[in-house]
Protein backbone atom coordinates (compact mmCIF):
# COMPACT_ATOMS: atom_id res chain seq x y z
CA UNK A 1 0.00 0.00 0.00
CA UNK A 2 2.83 2.39 0.81
CA UNK A 3 4.27 1.92 -2.68
CA UNK A 4 0.99 3.05 -4.23
CA UNK A 5 0.88 6.06 -1.90
CA UNK A 6 4.43 7.11 -2.86
CA UNK A 7 3.67 6.73 -6.56
CA UNK A 8 0.53 8.87 -6.26
CA UNK A 9 2.46 11.61 -4.41
CA UNK A 10 5.15 11.61 -7.09
CA UNK A 11 2.61 11.85 -9.90
CA UNK A 12 0.82 14.75 -8.20
CA UNK A 13 4.15 16.54 -7.71
CA UNK A 14 4.95 16.08 -11.39
CA UNK A 15 1.59 17.44 -12.58
CA UNK A 16 1.31 20.42 -10.22
CA UNK A 17 4.15 22.58 -11.69
CA UNK A 18 2.66 22.25 -15.16
CA UNK A 19 -0.72 23.45 -13.93
CA UNK A 20 0.83 26.38 -12.06
CA UNK A 21 2.89 27.32 -15.11
CA UNK A 22 -0.20 27.31 -17.34
CA UNK A 23 -2.13 29.48 -14.88
CA UNK A 24 0.78 31.95 -14.64
CA UNK A 25 1.09 32.17 -18.41
CA UNK A 26 -2.54 33.23 -18.66
CA UNK A 27 -1.70 36.40 -16.67
CA UNK A 28 1.33 37.32 -18.79
CA UNK A 29 0.83 39.22 -22.01
CA UNK A 30 3.13 41.35 -24.11
CA UNK A 31 2.97 43.81 -26.94
CA UNK A 32 5.59 45.32 -29.20
CA UNK A 33 7.48 48.15 -27.50
CA UNK A 34 6.19 51.68 -27.97
CA UNK A 35 9.68 53.17 -28.19
CA UNK A 36 12.78 51.45 -29.50
CA UNK A 37 15.83 51.49 -27.24
CA UNK A 38 19.06 52.09 -29.09
CA UNK A 39 22.49 50.62 -28.53
CA UNK A 40 23.75 53.85 -26.97
CA UNK A 41 21.00 53.91 -24.36
CA UNK A 42 21.54 50.24 -23.54
CA UNK A 43 25.29 50.81 -23.16
CA UNK A 44 24.72 53.82 -20.89
CA UNK A 45 22.29 51.96 -18.65
CA UNK A 46 24.61 48.95 -18.38
CA UNK A 47 27.54 51.23 -17.47
CA UNK A 48 25.53 52.99 -14.77
CA UNK A 49 24.42 49.64 -13.38
CA UNK A 50 27.99 48.31 -13.35
CA UNK A 51 29.29 51.43 -11.59
CA UNK A 52 26.49 51.26 -9.03
CA UNK A 53 27.30 47.63 -8.27
CA UNK A 54 31.10 47.89 -8.23
CA UNK A 55 31.63 51.22 -6.44
CA UNK A 56 30.86 49.96 -2.89
CA UNK A 57 33.14 46.95 -3.35
CA UNK A 58 35.94 49.15 -4.71
CA UNK A 59 35.53 51.57 -1.79
CA UNK A 60 35.83 48.78 0.76
CA UNK A 61 38.85 47.21 -0.94
CA UNK A 62 40.58 50.59 -1.24
CA UNK A 63 40.12 51.37 2.46
CA UNK A 64 40.88 47.85 3.72
CA UNK A 65 44.27 48.80 5.25
CA UNK A 66 42.55 51.56 7.26
CA UNK A 67 39.93 49.13 8.51
CA UNK A 68 42.67 46.72 9.66
CA UNK A 69 44.46 49.42 11.69
CA UNK A 70 41.41 50.40 13.73
CA UNK A 71 41.40 49.17 17.30
CA UNK A 72 38.98 46.36 17.89
CA UNK A 73 36.14 47.15 20.28
CA UNK A 74 36.40 45.34 23.58
CA UNK A 75 33.43 43.11 24.38
CA UNK A 76 31.41 44.29 27.37
CA UNK A 77 30.69 41.75 30.08
PDB file of N, CA and C in Angstrom:
ATOM      1  N   UNK A   1       0.813  -1.189   0.000  1.00  0.00           N
ATOM      2  CA  UNK A   1       0.000   0.000   0.000  1.00  0.00           C
ATOM      3  C   UNK A   1       0.859   1.255   0.000  1.00  0.00           C
ATOM      4  N   UNK A   2       1.974   1.210   0.730  1.00  0.00           N
ATOM      5  CA  UNK A   2       2.826   2.389   0.813  1.00  0.00           C
ATOM      6  C   UNK A   2       3.463   2.713  -0.541  1.00  0.00           C
ATOM      7  N   UNK A   3       3.704   1.684  -1.355  1.00  0.00           N
ATOM      8  CA  UNK A   3       4.273   1.921  -2.682  1.00  0.00           C
ATOM      9  C   UNK A   3       3.279   2.697  -3.537  1.00  0.00           C
ATOM     10  N   UNK A   4       2.011   2.331  -3.463  1.00  0.00           N
ATOM     11  CA  UNK A   4       0.994   3.054  -4.225  1.00  0.00           C
ATOM     12  C   UNK A   4       0.871   4.498  -3.747  1.00  0.00           C
ATOM     13  N   UNK A   5       0.975   4.711  -2.457  1.00  0.00           N
ATOM     14  CA  UNK A   5       0.883   6.062  -1.899  1.00  0.00           C
ATOM     15  C   UNK A   5       2.048   6.924  -2.384  1.00  0.00           C
ATOM     16  N   UNK A   6       3.258   6.367  -2.392  1.00  0.00           N
ATOM     17  CA  UNK A   6       4.428   7.110  -2.858  1.00  0.00           C
ATOM     18  C   UNK A   6       4.299   7.446  -4.344  1.00  0.00           C
ATOM     19  N   UNK A   7       3.818   6.506  -5.124  1.00  0.00           N
ATOM     20  CA  UNK A   7       3.665   6.735  -6.564  1.00  0.00           C
ATOM     21  C   UNK A   7       2.633   7.829  -6.826  1.00  0.00           C
ATOM     22  N   UNK A   8       1.554   7.853  -6.054  1.00  0.00           N
ATOM     23  CA  UNK A   8       0.531   8.871  -6.260  1.00  0.00           C
ATOM     24  C   UNK A   8       1.073  10.250  -5.874  1.00  0.00           C
ATOM     25  N   UNK A   9       1.872  10.325  -4.807  1.00  0.00           N
ATOM     26  CA  UNK A   9       2.464  11.607  -4.410  1.00  0.00           C
ATOM     27  C   UNK A   9       3.430  12.107  -5.473  1.00  0.00           C
ATOM     28  N   UNK A  10       4.200  11.217  -6.043  1.00  0.00           N
ATOM     29  CA  UNK A  10       5.151  11.606  -7.086  1.00  0.00           C
ATOM     30  C   UNK A  10       4.405  12.100  -8.317  1.00  0.00           C
ATOM     31  N   UNK A  11       3.343  11.427  -8.700  1.00  0.00           N
ATOM     32  CA  UNK A  11       2.609  11.849  -9.896  1.00  0.00           C
ATOM     33  C   UNK A  11       1.933  13.201  -9.679  1.00  0.00           C
ATOM     34  N   UNK A  12       1.423  13.452  -8.490  1.00  0.00           N
ATOM     35  CA  UNK A  12       0.817  14.750  -8.196  1.00  0.00           C
ATOM     36  C   UNK A  12       1.886  15.840  -8.247  1.00  0.00           C
ATOM     37  N   UNK A  13       3.063  15.555  -7.699  1.00  0.00           N
ATOM     38  CA  UNK A  13       4.146  16.537  -7.706  1.00  0.00           C
ATOM     39  C   UNK A  13       4.614  16.831  -9.121  1.00  0.00           C
ATOM     40  N   UNK A  14       4.521  15.858 -10.007  1.00  0.00           N
ATOM     41  CA  UNK A  14       4.955  16.078 -11.392  1.00  0.00           C
ATOM     42  C   UNK A  14       3.921  16.885 -12.171  1.00  0.00           C
ATOM     43  N   UNK A  15       2.656  16.753 -11.846  1.00  0.00           N
ATOM     44  CA  UNK A  15       1.591  17.436 -12.580  1.00  0.00           C
ATOM     45  C   UNK A  15       1.409  18.864 -12.088  1.00  0.00           C
ATOM     46  N   UNK A  16       1.592  19.112 -10.808  1.00  0.00           N
ATOM     47  CA  UNK A  16       1.309  20.422 -10.217  1.00  0.00           C
ATOM     48  C   UNK A  16       2.112  21.567 -10.844  1.00  0.00           C
ATOM     49  N   UNK A  17       3.435  21.460 -11.082  1.00  0.00           N
ATOM     50  CA  UNK A  17       4.152  22.583 -11.690  1.00  0.00           C
ATOM     51  C   UNK A  17       3.628  22.945 -13.073  1.00  0.00           C
ATOM     52  N   UNK A  18       3.201  21.960 -13.842  1.00  0.00           N
ATOM     53  CA  UNK A  18       2.662  22.252 -15.165  1.00  0.00           C
ATOM     54  C   UNK A  18       1.376  23.061 -15.056  1.00  0.00           C
ATOM     55  N   UNK A  19       0.537  22.728 -14.100  1.00  0.00           N
ATOM     56  CA  UNK A  19      -0.717  23.454 -13.925  1.00  0.00           C
ATOM     57  C   UNK A  19      -0.441  24.888 -13.466  1.00  0.00           C
ATOM     58  N   UNK A  20       0.492  25.045 -12.540  1.00  0.00           N
ATOM     59  CA  UNK A  20       0.831  26.382 -12.055  1.00  0.00           C
ATOM     60  C   UNK A  20       1.418  27.209 -13.184  1.00  0.00           C
ATOM     61  N   UNK A  21       2.275  26.610 -13.997  1.00  0.00           N
ATOM     62  CA  UNK A  21       2.885  27.325 -15.107  1.00  0.00           C
ATOM     63  C   UNK A  21       1.831  27.771 -16.113  1.00  0.00           C
ATOM     64  N   UNK A  22       0.861  26.932 -16.400  1.00  0.00           N
ATOM     65  CA  UNK A  22      -0.200  27.310 -17.337  1.00  0.00           C
ATOM     66  C   UNK A  22      -1.044  28.444 -16.784  1.00  0.00           C
ATOM     67  N   UNK A  23      -1.339  28.403 -15.479  1.00  0.00           N
ATOM     68  CA  UNK A  23      -2.125  29.480 -14.877  1.00  0.00           C
ATOM     69  C   UNK A  23      -1.350  30.793 -14.888  1.00  0.00           C
ATOM     70  N   UNK A  24      -0.048  30.740 -14.639  1.00  0.00           N
ATOM     71  CA  UNK A  24       0.779  31.945 -14.642  1.00  0.00           C
ATOM     72  C   UNK A  24       0.863  32.526 -16.039  1.00  0.00           C
ATOM     73  N   UNK A  25       0.995  31.677 -17.032  1.00  0.00           N
ATOM     74  CA  UNK A  25       1.088  32.168 -18.409  1.00  0.00           C
ATOM     75  C   UNK A  25      -0.170  32.904 -18.832  1.00  0.00           C
ATOM     76  N   UNK A  26      -1.308  32.553 -18.267  1.00  0.00           N
ATOM     77  CA  UNK A  26      -2.537  33.232 -18.661  1.00  0.00           C
ATOM     78  C   UNK A  26      -2.547  34.675 -18.186  1.00  0.00           C
ATOM     79  N   UNK A  27      -1.767  35.025 -17.163  1.00  0.00           N
ATOM     80  CA  UNK A  27      -1.702  36.398 -16.667  1.00  0.00           C
ATOM     81  C   UNK A  27      -0.714  37.236 -17.465  1.00  0.00           C
ATOM     82  N   UNK A  28       0.264  36.597 -18.100  1.00  0.00           N
ATOM     83  CA  UNK A  28       1.329  37.319 -18.787  1.00  0.00           C
ATOM     84  C   UNK A  28       0.906  37.604 -20.224  1.00  0.00           C
ATOM     85  N   UNK A  29       1.082  38.845 -20.621  1.00  0.00           N
ATOM     86  CA  UNK A  29       0.831  39.221 -22.007  1.00  0.00           C
ATOM     87  C   UNK A  29       1.861  40.262 -22.395  1.00  0.00           C
ATOM     88  N   UNK A  30       2.145  40.363 -23.674  1.00  0.00           N
ATOM     89  CA  UNK A  30       3.129  41.346 -24.109  1.00  0.00           C
ATOM     90  C   UNK A  30       2.694  41.951 -25.432  1.00  0.00           C
ATOM     91  N   UNK A  31       3.228  43.107 -25.683  1.00  0.00           N
ATOM     92  CA  UNK A  31       2.975  43.811 -26.938  1.00  0.00           C
ATOM     93  C   UNK A  31       4.306  44.296 -27.468  1.00  0.00           C
ATOM     94  N   UNK A  32       4.350  44.716 -28.707  1.00  0.00           N
ATOM     95  CA  UNK A  32       5.588  45.317 -29.203  1.00  0.00           C
ATOM     96  C   UNK A  32       5.886  46.597 -28.429  1.00  0.00           C
ATOM     97  N   UNK A  33       7.149  46.949 -28.259  1.00  0.00           N
ATOM     98  CA  UNK A  33       7.480  48.152 -27.497  1.00  0.00           C
ATOM     99  C   UNK A  33       6.999  49.417 -28.200  1.00  0.00           C
ATOM    100  N   UNK A  34       6.624  50.405 -27.401  1.00  0.00           N
ATOM    101  CA  UNK A  34       6.190  51.680 -27.968  1.00  0.00           C
ATOM    102  C   UNK A  34       7.378  52.464 -28.510  1.00  0.00           C
ATOM    103  N   UNK A  35       8.479  52.452 -27.774  1.00  0.00           N
ATOM    104  CA  UNK A  35       9.683  53.171 -28.189  1.00  0.00           C
ATOM    105  C   UNK A  35      10.839  52.190 -28.290  1.00  0.00           C
ATOM    106  N   UNK A  36      11.617  52.303 -29.340  1.00  0.00           N
ATOM    107  CA  UNK A  36      12.784  51.445 -29.496  1.00  0.00           C
ATOM    108  C   UNK A  36      13.925  51.995 -28.645  1.00  0.00           C
ATOM    109  N   UNK A  37      14.672  51.108 -28.041  1.00  0.00           N
ATOM    110  CA  UNK A  37      15.826  51.487 -27.238  1.00  0.00           C
ATOM    111  C   UNK A  37      17.069  51.204 -28.063  1.00  0.00           C
ATOM    112  N   UNK A  38      17.867  52.226 -28.258  1.00  0.00           N
ATOM    113  CA  UNK A  38      19.055  52.087 -29.091  1.00  0.00           C
ATOM    114  C   UNK A  38      20.226  51.472 -28.351  1.00  0.00           C
ATOM    115  N   UNK A  39      21.282  51.217 -29.103  1.00  0.00           N
ATOM    116  CA  UNK A  39      22.486  50.617 -28.529  1.00  0.00           C
ATOM    117  C   UNK A  39      23.153  51.578 -27.552  1.00  0.00           C
ATOM    118  N   UNK A  40      23.141  52.863 -27.854  1.00  0.00           N
ATOM    119  CA  UNK A  40      23.750  53.850 -26.968  1.00  0.00           C
ATOM    120  C   UNK A  40      23.064  53.913 -25.620  1.00  0.00           C
ATOM    121  N   UNK A  41      21.747  53.891 -25.624  1.00  0.00           N
ATOM    122  CA  UNK A  41      21.002  53.909 -24.361  1.00  0.00           C
ATOM    123  C   UNK A  41      21.251  52.634 -23.562  1.00  0.00           C
ATOM    124  N   UNK A  42      21.274  51.512 -24.234  1.00  0.00           N
ATOM    125  CA  UNK A  42      21.539  50.243 -23.543  1.00  0.00           C
ATOM    126  C   UNK A  42      22.929  50.254 -22.926  1.00  0.00           C
ATOM    127  N   UNK A  43      23.919  50.742 -23.662  1.00  0.00           N
ATOM    128  CA  UNK A  43      25.287  50.810 -23.161  1.00  0.00           C
ATOM    129  C   UNK A  43      25.364  51.727 -21.948  1.00  0.00           C
ATOM    130  N   UNK A  44      24.711  52.874 -22.003  1.00  0.00           N
ATOM    131  CA  UNK A  44      24.716  53.822 -20.887  1.00  0.00           C
ATOM    132  C   UNK A  44      24.102  53.197 -19.638  1.00  0.00           C
ATOM    133  N   UNK A  45      22.974  52.569 -19.795  1.00  0.00           N
ATOM    134  CA  UNK A  45      22.292  51.963 -18.646  1.00  0.00           C
ATOM    135  C   UNK A  45      23.142  50.844 -18.051  1.00  0.00           C
ATOM    136  N   UNK A  46      23.767  50.034 -18.889  1.00  0.00           N
ATOM    137  CA  UNK A  46      24.606  48.949 -18.383  1.00  0.00           C
ATOM    138  C   UNK A  46      25.830  49.499 -17.657  1.00  0.00           C
ATOM    139  N   UNK A  47      26.396  50.608 -18.148  1.00  0.00           N
ATOM    140  CA  UNK A  47      27.539  51.226 -17.471  1.00  0.00           C
ATOM    141  C   UNK A  47      27.131  51.778 -16.120  1.00  0.00           C
ATOM    142  N   UNK A  48      25.997  52.447 -16.044  1.00  0.00           N
ATOM    143  CA  UNK A  48      25.526  52.989 -14.768  1.00  0.00           C
ATOM    144  C   UNK A  48      25.274  51.855 -13.784  1.00  0.00           C
ATOM    145  N   UNK A  49      24.680  50.787 -14.244  1.00  0.00           N
ATOM    146  CA  UNK A  49      24.417  49.638 -13.376  1.00  0.00           C
ATOM    147  C   UNK A  49      25.717  49.034 -12.871  1.00  0.00           C
ATOM    148  N   UNK A  50      26.708  48.884 -13.747  1.00  0.00           N
ATOM    149  CA  UNK A  50      27.992  48.314 -13.348  1.00  0.00           C
ATOM    150  C   UNK A  50      28.685  49.201 -12.320  1.00  0.00           C
ATOM    151  N   UNK A  51      28.667  50.508 -12.545  1.00  0.00           N
ATOM    152  CA  UNK A  51      29.292  51.430 -11.589  1.00  0.00           C
ATOM    153  C   UNK A  51      28.573  51.368 -10.253  1.00  0.00           C
ATOM    154  N   UNK A  52      27.255  51.321 -10.279  1.00  0.00           N
ATOM    155  CA  UNK A  52      26.489  51.264  -9.035  1.00  0.00           C
ATOM    156  C   UNK A  52      26.780  49.977  -8.259  1.00  0.00           C
ATOM    157  N   UNK A  53      27.033  48.890  -8.943  1.00  0.00           N
ATOM    158  CA  UNK A  53      27.304  47.631  -8.268  1.00  0.00           C
ATOM    159  C   UNK A  53      28.749  47.528  -7.786  1.00  0.00           C
ATOM    160  N   UNK A  54      29.696  48.081  -8.551  1.00  0.00           N
ATOM    161  CA  UNK A  54      31.104  47.887  -8.231  1.00  0.00           C
ATOM    162  C   UNK A  54      31.690  48.966  -7.327  1.00  0.00           C
ATOM    163  N   UNK A  55      31.072  50.139  -7.245  1.00  0.00           N
ATOM    164  CA  UNK A  55      31.627  51.224  -6.438  1.00  0.00           C
ATOM    165  C   UNK A  55      31.729  50.862  -4.947  1.00  0.00           C
ATOM    166  N   UNK A  56      30.698  50.308  -4.315  1.00  0.00           N
ATOM    167  CA  UNK A  56      30.856  49.958  -2.893  1.00  0.00           C
ATOM    168  C   UNK A  56      31.967  48.931  -2.648  1.00  0.00           C
ATOM    169  N   UNK A  57      32.087  47.951  -3.519  1.00  0.00           N
ATOM    170  CA  UNK A  57      33.144  46.950  -3.346  1.00  0.00           C
ATOM    171  C   UNK A  57      34.517  47.587  -3.520  1.00  0.00           C
ATOM    172  N   UNK A  58      34.669  48.471  -4.495  1.00  0.00           N
ATOM    173  CA  UNK A  58      35.943  49.146  -4.710  1.00  0.00           C
ATOM    174  C   UNK A  58      36.296  50.037  -3.521  1.00  0.00           C
ATOM    175  N   UNK A  59      35.308  50.711  -2.957  1.00  0.00           N
ATOM    176  CA  UNK A  59      35.534  51.570  -1.795  1.00  0.00           C
ATOM    177  C   UNK A  59      36.053  50.755  -0.614  1.00  0.00           C
ATOM    178  N   UNK A  60      35.422  49.632  -0.366  1.00  0.00           N
ATOM    179  CA  UNK A  60      35.830  48.783   0.758  1.00  0.00           C
ATOM    180  C   UNK A  60      37.234  48.237   0.533  1.00  0.00           C
ATOM    181  N   UNK A  61      37.526  47.752  -0.669  1.00  0.00           N
ATOM    182  CA  UNK A  61      38.852  47.212  -0.945  1.00  0.00           C
ATOM    183  C   UNK A  61      39.928  48.288  -0.862  1.00  0.00           C
ATOM    184  N   UNK A  62      39.618  49.497  -1.293  1.00  0.00           N
ATOM    185  CA  UNK A  62      40.582  50.588  -1.244  1.00  0.00           C
ATOM    186  C   UNK A  62      40.904  50.986   0.195  1.00  0.00           C
ATOM    187  N   UNK A  63      39.930  50.951   1.074  1.00  0.00           N
ATOM    188  CA  UNK A  63      40.120  51.367   2.455  1.00  0.00           C
ATOM    189  C   UNK A  63      40.388  50.196   3.403  1.00  0.00           C
ATOM    190  N   UNK A  64      40.644  49.019   2.880  1.00  0.00           N
ATOM    191  CA  UNK A  64      40.884  47.846   3.716  1.00  0.00           C
ATOM    192  C   UNK A  64      42.059  48.022   4.682  1.00  0.00           C
ATOM    193  N   UNK A  65      43.182  48.603   4.276  1.00  0.00           N
ATOM    194  CA  UNK A  65      44.270  48.804   5.247  1.00  0.00           C
ATOM    195  C   UNK A  65      43.848  49.693   6.424  1.00  0.00           C
ATOM    196  N   UNK A  66      43.028  50.699   6.171  1.00  0.00           N
ATOM    197  CA  UNK A  66      42.551  51.556   7.256  1.00  0.00           C
ATOM    198  C   UNK A  66      41.650  50.772   8.212  1.00  0.00           C
ATOM    199  N   UNK A  67      40.824  49.909   7.667  1.00  0.00           N
ATOM    200  CA  UNK A  67      39.933  49.128   8.512  1.00  0.00           C
ATOM    201  C   UNK A  67      40.723  48.157   9.390  1.00  0.00           C
ATOM    202  N   UNK A  68      41.849  47.658   8.887  1.00  0.00           N
ATOM    203  CA  UNK A  68      42.668  46.720   9.656  1.00  0.00           C
ATOM    204  C   UNK A  68      43.391  47.420  10.805  1.00  0.00           C
ATOM    205  N   UNK A  69      43.712  48.697  10.665  1.00  0.00           N
ATOM    206  CA  UNK A  69      44.458  49.422  11.686  1.00  0.00           C
ATOM    207  C   UNK A  69      43.581  49.919  12.821  1.00  0.00           C
ATOM    208  N   UNK A  70      42.301  49.938  12.666  1.00  0.00           N
ATOM    209  CA  UNK A  70      41.407  50.399  13.729  1.00  0.00           C
ATOM    210  C   UNK A  70      41.500  49.477  14.929  1.00  0.00           C
ATOM    211  N   UNK A  71      41.423  50.044  16.126  1.00  0.00           N
ATOM    212  CA  UNK A  71      41.403  49.166  17.302  1.00  0.00           C
ATOM    213  C   UNK A  71      40.083  48.414  17.376  1.00  0.00           C
ATOM    214  N   UNK A  72      40.183  47.176  17.770  1.00  0.00           N
ATOM    215  CA  UNK A  72      38.981  46.363  17.887  1.00  0.00           C
ATOM    216  C   UNK A  72      38.202  46.755  19.140  1.00  0.00           C
ATOM    217  N   UNK A  73      36.904  46.817  19.078  1.00  0.00           N
ATOM    218  CA  UNK A  73      36.138  47.147  20.285  1.00  0.00           C
ATOM    219  C   UNK A  73      36.218  46.009  21.292  1.00  0.00           C
ATOM    220  N   UNK A  74      36.337  46.369  22.534  1.00  0.00           N
ATOM    221  CA  UNK A  74      36.400  45.340  23.584  1.00  0.00           C
ATOM    222  C   UNK A  74      34.988  44.888  23.920  1.00  0.00           C
ATOM    223  N   UNK A  75      34.775  43.592  24.039  1.00  0.00           N
ATOM    224  CA  UNK A  75      33.427  43.112  24.384  1.00  0.00           C
ATOM    225  C   UNK A  75      33.078  43.478  25.826  1.00  0.00           C
ATOM    226  N   UNK A  76      31.871  43.922  26.030  1.00  0.00           N
ATOM    227  CA  UNK A  76      31.412  44.292  27.366  1.00  0.00           C
ATOM    228  C   UNK A  76      30.828  43.062  28.054  1.00  0.00           C
ATOM    229  N   UNK A  77      31.175  42.911  29.323  1.00  0.00           N
ATOM    230  CA  UNK A  77      30.685  41.754  30.077  1.00  0.00           C
ATOM    231  C   UNK A  77      29.459  42.106  30.865  1.00  0.00           C
TER     232      UNK A  77
END
